[in-house]
Amino acid sequence: MAMKFEESKFDFMAHKALWFGISGFLLIPGIIAVIYSLMTFGTPVKLGIDFTGGTLAQLSFSKNVTAPQIREILKSEGIEDAQVQIADDKTALIRTKDLTQSQRETVLKGLSAKAGEFKAERFETVGPTMGRELLANSLAAIGFTLVGIVGYISYRYQFDFAVCAISALVHDVVFIFGVFAALGIFLNVEVDSLFVTAVLTVVGFSVHDTIVIYDRIRENMRQAGKRDTFDDVANRSIKQTLARSINTSLTVCLTLIALLVFGGETIRWFVFAMLIGIVVGTYSSIFNASQMLSVWRMMGVKRTSA
């Protein structure tokens, strides 16, 4: 397979406008969703109780229940705007505002009387102060990661490599945030601390894929002939690493799809964030990172000539 890719006449560097156009098509709706989310919720994505504070309960009932049924019971007990998700017909995941001990006991009694017996698999309460601290730490972790990557790639390669690699990573992060902003608006999906874990994992995976291509570019530049342009070297480098990138990403995606189908409600959106992040990260590594580096160097040549 590797030889077939290397011998292919397809030029990955000759269609920069097309690749950047596809990226714009992917990102612009998400950016609009993020702006709308900021105007509606005050945050780029709708935050869950991990960040805002509240109560999360996972209850396993002895008989089938529905989300409208659970919501009606909660309303009758004075709990408005509760979010209810049903998994496997008998498991209810309930997110609501922070409940006092007496409110919690009242709600549980009401659910037991009207929906049947159940087992409390999970019952967590997060205070707003802890939620704000977690949000700040999460944003700091993402920022620290990006700064660290810039420093490492600048040291290992050159500063323009680092800038273009970070641009590809920002592309991936913005896409994930855009998708989840839209999910929050249309499907009421909230993000929790696992979302941050997913974003950081995607960043690590994507930059690793990009560095593999950059490493091959650096090696091929040392062996390049006088007539070879940077685009020639980059195109050859992408072809040489393409089989590895596709095979690695495909293997990870198959695992994530299995988790998405069989993993259950509690990790569904975490896995989904990972899945779309891996797919778009593979795209940006192959079709954006080297192309942006080429444009950067072309602009540098023009400025030098001017």
Foldseek 3Di string as FASTA:
>chain_A
DLVVLLPDPDFLQVPQVVLVVVLCVLQVLLVVLQVVCCVVVVGSFAAACLQQWWKKWKKFFPAFDDQVQLQVLCVVLVFPPWDWDDDPRGIIIITGGHDDPVSVVSSQVSCCVRVHDIDTPDMDTDHNVSNNVLVVVLVVVVVVVLVVQQVVCCVVPNNLLSVLLSVLLVSLLSSLSSVNSVCCVPVVDHDHSLLSVLSVVLSVVLSVLLVQLVVQLVVVVVVDDPPDDSSNSSRSSLSNCVVVLVVVLVVLLVVLVVCCVPVDDVCNVSSVSNNSSSVSSSSCSRNGRSNSSVVVVVVVVVVVVD
